[in-house]
């Protein structure tokens, strides 16, 4: 009976070691991914342009389709006229998006009246990166 209990304990310990090593290697693999690879797990949906008399903005959802948290995601909006000439840009920062999580976002043209010339927009994402300069 004692040997059986020891055997069970050894199996449980081995199981937890395997799970721990696997999880750490997944985290390590994710941390070694390029920003472009990480951004492939980010999906923007349900975005729409809203124009009011004194402001314009885009609302939508951003979803992390990976099984890891992704931090410091910037959503960039560029607004264009009918000739695809860039009129304005703005962005918003999503500080943390957990695995499988979806969040609402809003990008406003702050302090600017709604521009009647805006005919289209483009949304892109990037990961915030701090670069130190000597």
Protein backbone atom coordinates (compact mmCIF):
# COMPACT_ATOMS: atom_id res chain seq x y z
CA UNK A 1 0.00 0.00 0.00
CA UNK A 2 2.84 2.37 0.87
CA UNK A 3 4.51 1.68 -2.49
CA UNK A 4 1.25 2.42 -4.27
CA UNK A 5 0.96 5.83 -2.55
CA UNK A 6 4.58 6.63 -3.43
CA UNK A 7 3.92 5.62 -7.03
CA UNK A 8 0.86 7.90 -7.20
CA UNK A 9 2.86 10.79 -5.69
CA UNK A 10 5.66 10.29 -8.21
CA UNK A 11 3.17 10.25 -11.09
CA UNK A 12 1.53 13.45 -9.83
CA UNK A 13 4.90 15.20 -9.43
CA UNK A 14 6.00 14.14 -12.93
CA UNK A 15 2.69 15.36 -14.34
CA UNK A 16 3.12 18.81 -12.75
CA UNK A 17 6.71 19.05 -13.95
CA UNK A 18 5.65 18.23 -17.52
CA UNK A 19 2.83 20.81 -17.38
CA UNK A 20 5.14 23.47 -15.92
CA UNK A 21 7.86 22.87 -18.52
CA UNK A 22 5.30 22.91 -21.35
CA UNK A 23 3.73 26.18 -20.13
CA UNK A 24 7.13 27.85 -19.74
CA UNK A 25 8.18 26.77 -23.24
CA UNK A 26 4.88 28.16 -24.65
CA UNK A 27 5.54 31.48 -22.91
CA UNK A 28 9.12 31.49 -24.17
CA UNK A 29 7.99 30.74 -27.73
CA UNK A 30 5.42 33.56 -27.57
CA UNK A 31 7.99 36.01 -26.20
CA UNK A 32 10.33 35.13 -29.09
CA UNK A 33 7.64 35.90 -31.69
CA UNK A 34 8.07 39.00 -33.79
CA UNK A 35 5.61 41.85 -33.36
CA UNK A 36 4.13 40.95 -36.73
CA UNK A 37 3.51 37.36 -35.57
CA UNK A 38 1.89 38.57 -32.32
CA UNK A 39 -0.28 41.05 -34.24
CA UNK A 40 -1.60 38.20 -36.39
CA UNK A 41 -3.58 37.18 -33.28
CA UNK A 42 -5.26 40.60 -33.06
CA UNK A 43 -8.60 41.01 -34.84
CA UNK A 44 -10.57 44.26 -35.22
CA UNK A 45 -14.30 43.83 -35.79
CA UNK A 46 -17.52 45.84 -35.86
CA UNK A 47 -15.69 49.08 -36.60
CA UNK A 48 -17.76 52.02 -37.78
CA UNK A 49 -17.29 55.71 -38.45
CA UNK A 50 -19.60 58.04 -36.58
CA UNK A 51 -19.93 61.68 -37.57
CA UNK A 52 -21.66 64.17 -35.31
CA UNK A 53 -21.95 67.91 -35.74
CA UNK A 54 -18.88 68.69 -33.61
CA UNK A 55 -16.81 65.50 -33.70
CA UNK A 56 -15.99 62.34 -35.62
CA UNK A 57 -14.87 59.01 -34.23
CA UNK A 58 -14.48 55.32 -34.93
CA UNK A 59 -15.76 52.66 -32.57
CA UNK A 60 -15.17 48.94 -32.74
CA UNK A 61 -13.95 45.82 -31.00
CA UNK A 62 -10.46 44.39 -30.72
CA UNK A 63 -9.97 40.71 -29.91
CA UNK A 64 -6.95 38.67 -28.88
CA UNK A 65 -7.33 35.26 -30.56
CA UNK A 66 -4.18 33.83 -28.95
CA UNK A 67 -3.89 31.94 -25.68
CA UNK A 68 -1.50 34.55 -24.19
CA UNK A 69 -1.93 38.14 -22.99
CA UNK A 70 -0.72 40.78 -25.45
CA UNK A 71 0.23 44.18 -24.02
CA UNK A 72 0.52 47.71 -25.40
CA UNK A 73 -1.46 47.41 -28.63
CA UNK A 74 -1.90 50.69 -30.50
CA UNK A 75 -4.81 51.02 -32.90
CA UNK A 76 -4.11 53.68 -35.54
CA UNK A 77 -6.82 55.38 -37.59
CA UNK A 78 -6.10 57.32 -40.76
CA UNK A 79 -8.91 59.33 -42.34
CA UNK A 80 -9.06 59.97 -46.12
CA UNK A 81 -11.00 62.13 -48.55
CA UNK A 82 -12.65 60.86 -51.74
CA UNK A 83 -9.28 60.94 -53.57
CA UNK A 84 -7.62 58.80 -50.85
CA UNK A 85 -5.61 61.77 -49.62
CA UNK A 86 -4.85 61.48 -45.91
CA UNK A 87 -6.62 64.18 -43.90
CA UNK A 88 -6.10 63.24 -40.27
CA UNK A 89 -4.67 60.52 -38.02
CA UNK A 90 -5.21 59.50 -34.42
CA UNK A 91 -4.73 56.42 -32.28
CA UNK A 92 -5.66 54.73 -29.04
CA UNK A 93 -3.70 52.40 -26.76
CA UNK A 94 -5.01 49.09 -25.42
CA UNK A 95 -2.69 48.45 -22.48
CA UNK A 96 -3.54 44.78 -22.02
CA UNK A 97 -5.66 42.25 -23.89
CA UNK A 98 -5.91 38.86 -22.20
CA UNK A 99 -6.11 35.57 -24.08
CA UNK A 100 -9.47 35.37 -25.88
CA UNK A 101 -10.55 38.78 -24.57
CA UNK A 102 -12.49 41.34 -26.62
CA UNK A 103 -12.54 45.05 -25.75
CA UNK A 104 -14.36 48.04 -27.18
CA UNK A 105 -12.29 50.93 -28.52
CA UNK A 106 -12.94 54.49 -29.65
CA UNK A 107 -10.69 56.75 -31.69
CA UNK A 108 -11.78 60.37 -31.78
CA UNK A 109 -10.75 63.41 -33.73
CA UNK A 110 -10.26 65.40 -30.57
CA UNK A 111 -10.65 69.15 -30.77
CA UNK A 112 -11.48 69.06 -34.47
CA UNK A 113 -14.89 69.58 -35.99
CA UNK A 114 -16.21 66.67 -37.97
CA UNK A 115 -14.58 66.98 -41.35
CA UNK A 116 -17.17 66.76 -44.14
CA UNK A 117 -14.42 65.62 -46.53
CA UNK A 118 -13.77 62.34 -44.69
CA UNK A 119 -14.95 59.54 -47.00
CA UNK A 120 -12.99 56.53 -45.72
CA UNK A 121 -10.63 55.37 -43.02
CA UNK A 122 -8.01 52.71 -42.44
CA UNK A 123 -7.24 50.94 -39.15
CA UNK A 124 -3.85 49.39 -38.40
CA UNK A 125 -2.31 47.97 -35.24
CA UNK A 126 1.17 48.01 -33.79
CA UNK A 127 2.85 47.08 -30.54
CA UNK A 128 4.25 49.91 -28.48
CA UNK A 129 8.01 49.70 -28.18
CA UNK A 130 10.34 51.76 -26.03
CA UNK A 131 13.70 52.44 -27.65
CA UNK A 132 16.47 54.03 -25.63
CA UNK A 133 18.82 56.39 -27.44
CA UNK A 134 22.35 57.02 -26.14
